[in-house]
Amino acid sequence: MTRKLDIEANLDRSLANQVKAPRLDRRFDAAVWARIEAVEQRATNPVQVRSKALSSARWLFVINVIGVAIAAVLVVVFGLKSFSGVSMNLPMPEVSAATGAEILKFAAQAVTIVSLVFGLLFTPIGRRLRAELT
């Protein structure tokens, strides 16, 4: 065990002797702190934070309303049919094999396109595009 520790210590000393970091002056330190403070001020700017919060809250509200509406429709349609014995004969449209194949073809294309666009949003070009839009 001591042998392994000795080897690691020798390697560490050797690396420290080979790599000499330049001494940085006070201007560099001041520039770093100024940049950090500028980023913090941008992040805590109440107008930007408030507008982002309002935008995301609005979208969450819309999505929640859509979800509640769909759940209510499902409860009314299937709940009444199951629990109260009321028979609601809702005719289901007949889908032929050819129509089903077309639907699957277009659905596969739509899923592929949406997946590609979603993936591209996380590339440098997509990040730049998102920055332009927001």
Protein backbone atom coordinates (compact mmCIF):
# COMPACT_ATOMS: atom_id res chain seq x y z
CA MET A 1 0.00 0.00 0.00
CA THR A 2 2.85 2.38 0.84
CA ARG A 3 4.43 1.70 -2.52
CA LYS A 4 1.25 2.80 -4.32
CA LEU A 5 1.05 6.01 -2.25
CA ASP A 6 4.71 6.77 -2.98
CA ILE A 7 4.14 6.36 -6.71
CA GLU A 8 1.11 8.64 -6.62
CA ALA A 9 3.01 11.28 -4.63
CA ASN A 10 5.93 11.16 -7.10
CA LEU A 11 3.54 11.50 -10.05
CA ASP A 12 1.79 14.43 -8.40
CA ARG A 13 5.09 16.23 -7.71
CA SER A 14 6.25 15.57 -11.27
CA LEU A 15 3.04 16.98 -12.72
CA ALA A 16 3.19 20.04 -10.46
CA ASN A 17 6.77 20.70 -11.59
CA GLN A 18 5.86 20.40 -15.27
CA VAL A 19 2.81 22.64 -15.25
CA LYS A 20 3.48 26.21 -14.28
CA ALA A 21 0.43 28.44 -14.13
CA PRO A 22 1.05 32.10 -14.94
CA ARG A 23 0.44 34.63 -12.20
CA LEU A 24 -2.64 36.72 -12.90
CA ASP A 25 -2.79 40.38 -12.00
CA ARG A 26 -5.56 42.23 -10.18
CA ARG A 27 -7.18 43.39 -13.43
CA PHE A 28 -8.10 39.82 -14.32
CA ASP A 29 -9.58 39.24 -10.88
CA ALA A 30 -11.58 42.49 -11.07
CA ALA A 31 -12.85 41.60 -14.56
CA VAL A 32 -14.03 38.18 -13.39
CA TRP A 33 -15.92 39.65 -10.43
CA ALA A 34 -17.45 42.37 -12.63
CA ARG A 35 -18.67 39.75 -15.08
CA ILE A 36 -20.14 37.62 -12.28
CA GLU A 37 -21.95 40.64 -10.89
CA ALA A 38 -23.31 41.57 -14.34
CA VAL A 39 -24.71 38.05 -14.80
CA GLU A 40 -26.28 38.15 -11.35
CA GLN A 41 -27.89 41.52 -12.08
CA ARG A 42 -29.33 40.21 -15.36
CA ALA A 43 -30.65 37.13 -13.56
CA THR A 44 -32.29 39.18 -10.82
CA ASN A 45 -33.70 41.86 -13.11
CA PRO A 46 -37.34 41.96 -11.93
CA VAL A 47 -38.76 42.79 -15.35
CA GLN A 48 -37.18 39.80 -17.10
CA VAL A 49 -37.87 37.39 -14.25
CA ARG A 50 -41.48 38.56 -14.01
CA SER A 51 -42.12 38.29 -17.74
CA LYS A 52 -40.66 34.77 -17.87
CA ALA A 53 -42.71 33.76 -14.82
CA LEU A 54 -45.90 35.20 -16.31
CA SER A 55 -45.29 33.48 -19.63
CA SER A 56 -44.65 30.07 -18.11
CA ALA A 57 -47.56 30.45 -15.67
CA ARG A 58 -49.87 31.31 -18.57
CA TRP A 59 -48.82 28.21 -20.52
CA LEU A 60 -49.20 25.99 -17.46
CA PHE A 61 -52.69 27.38 -16.88
CA VAL A 62 -53.70 26.72 -20.50
CA ILE A 63 -52.36 23.15 -20.39
CA ASN A 64 -54.13 22.52 -17.09
CA VAL A 65 -57.44 23.83 -18.46
CA ILE A 66 -57.15 21.55 -21.49
CA GLY A 67 -56.35 18.57 -19.25
CA VAL A 68 -59.28 19.27 -16.92
CA ALA A 69 -61.65 19.65 -19.89
CA ILE A 70 -60.53 16.32 -21.38
CA ALA A 71 -60.87 14.60 -18.00
CA ALA A 72 -64.37 16.05 -17.53
CA VAL A 73 -65.48 14.83 -20.96
CA LEU A 74 -64.11 11.36 -20.26
CA VAL A 75 -65.85 11.20 -16.88
CA VAL A 76 -69.15 12.34 -18.36
CA VAL A 77 -69.09 10.02 -21.36
CA PHE A 78 -67.71 6.86 -19.79
CA GLY A 79 -68.75 7.46 -16.19
CA LEU A 80 -72.42 7.89 -17.01
CA LYS A 81 -72.33 4.84 -19.23
CA SER A 82 -70.65 2.65 -16.62
CA PHE A 83 -72.25 3.75 -13.36
CA SER A 84 -75.77 4.84 -14.19
CA GLY A 85 -76.74 2.32 -16.79
CA VAL A 86 -77.48 5.06 -19.30
CA SER A 87 -76.60 3.75 -22.68
CA MET A 88 -75.03 6.36 -24.86
CA ASN A 89 -74.68 4.82 -28.24
CA LEU A 90 -71.87 6.77 -29.75
CA PRO A 91 -71.19 5.46 -33.23
CA MET A 92 -67.52 4.83 -33.85
CA PRO A 93 -66.36 5.67 -37.33
CA GLU A 94 -65.23 2.69 -39.29
CA VAL A 95 -61.66 2.88 -40.45
CA SER A 96 -60.71 0.80 -43.42
CA ALA A 97 -57.33 -0.87 -43.65
CA ALA A 98 -56.20 1.58 -46.35
CA THR A 99 -57.23 4.57 -44.24
CA GLY A 100 -55.54 3.07 -41.19
CA ALA A 101 -52.33 2.60 -43.16
CA GLU A 102 -52.45 6.21 -44.34
CA ILE A 103 -53.05 7.43 -40.81
CA LEU A 104 -50.09 5.41 -39.55
CA LYS A 105 -47.89 6.69 -42.38
CA PHE A 106 -48.69 10.33 -41.67
CA ALA A 107 -48.50 9.82 -37.90
CA ALA A 108 -45.05 8.26 -38.27
CA GLN A 109 -43.91 11.18 -40.41
CA ALA A 110 -45.34 13.70 -37.95
CA VAL A 111 -43.64 12.01 -34.98
CA THR A 112 -40.36 11.89 -36.89
CA ILE A 113 -40.50 15.58 -37.82
CA VAL A 114 -41.45 16.64 -34.29
CA SER A 115 -38.63 14.50 -32.85
CA LEU A 116 -36.08 15.98 -35.23
CA VAL A 117 -37.18 19.55 -34.47
CA PHE A 118 -37.08 18.84 -30.74
CA GLY A 119 -33.59 17.35 -31.04
CA LEU A 120 -32.37 20.27 -33.16
CA LEU A 121 -33.50 22.73 -30.48
CA PHE A 122 -30.64 21.49 -28.29
CA THR A 123 -27.91 22.02 -30.87
CA PRO A 124 -26.00 25.32 -31.06
CA ILE A 125 -28.19 26.47 -33.97
CA GLY A 126 -31.34 25.61 -32.02
CA ARG A 127 -30.07 27.43 -28.93
CA ARG A 128 -29.36 30.50 -31.05
CA LEU A 129 -32.83 30.28 -32.59
CA ARG A 130 -34.47 29.92 -29.17
CA ALA A 131 -32.49 32.94 -27.93
CA GLU A 132 -33.76 34.97 -30.89
CA LEU A 133 -37.37 33.97 -30.25
CA THR A 134 -37.33 34.71 -26.52
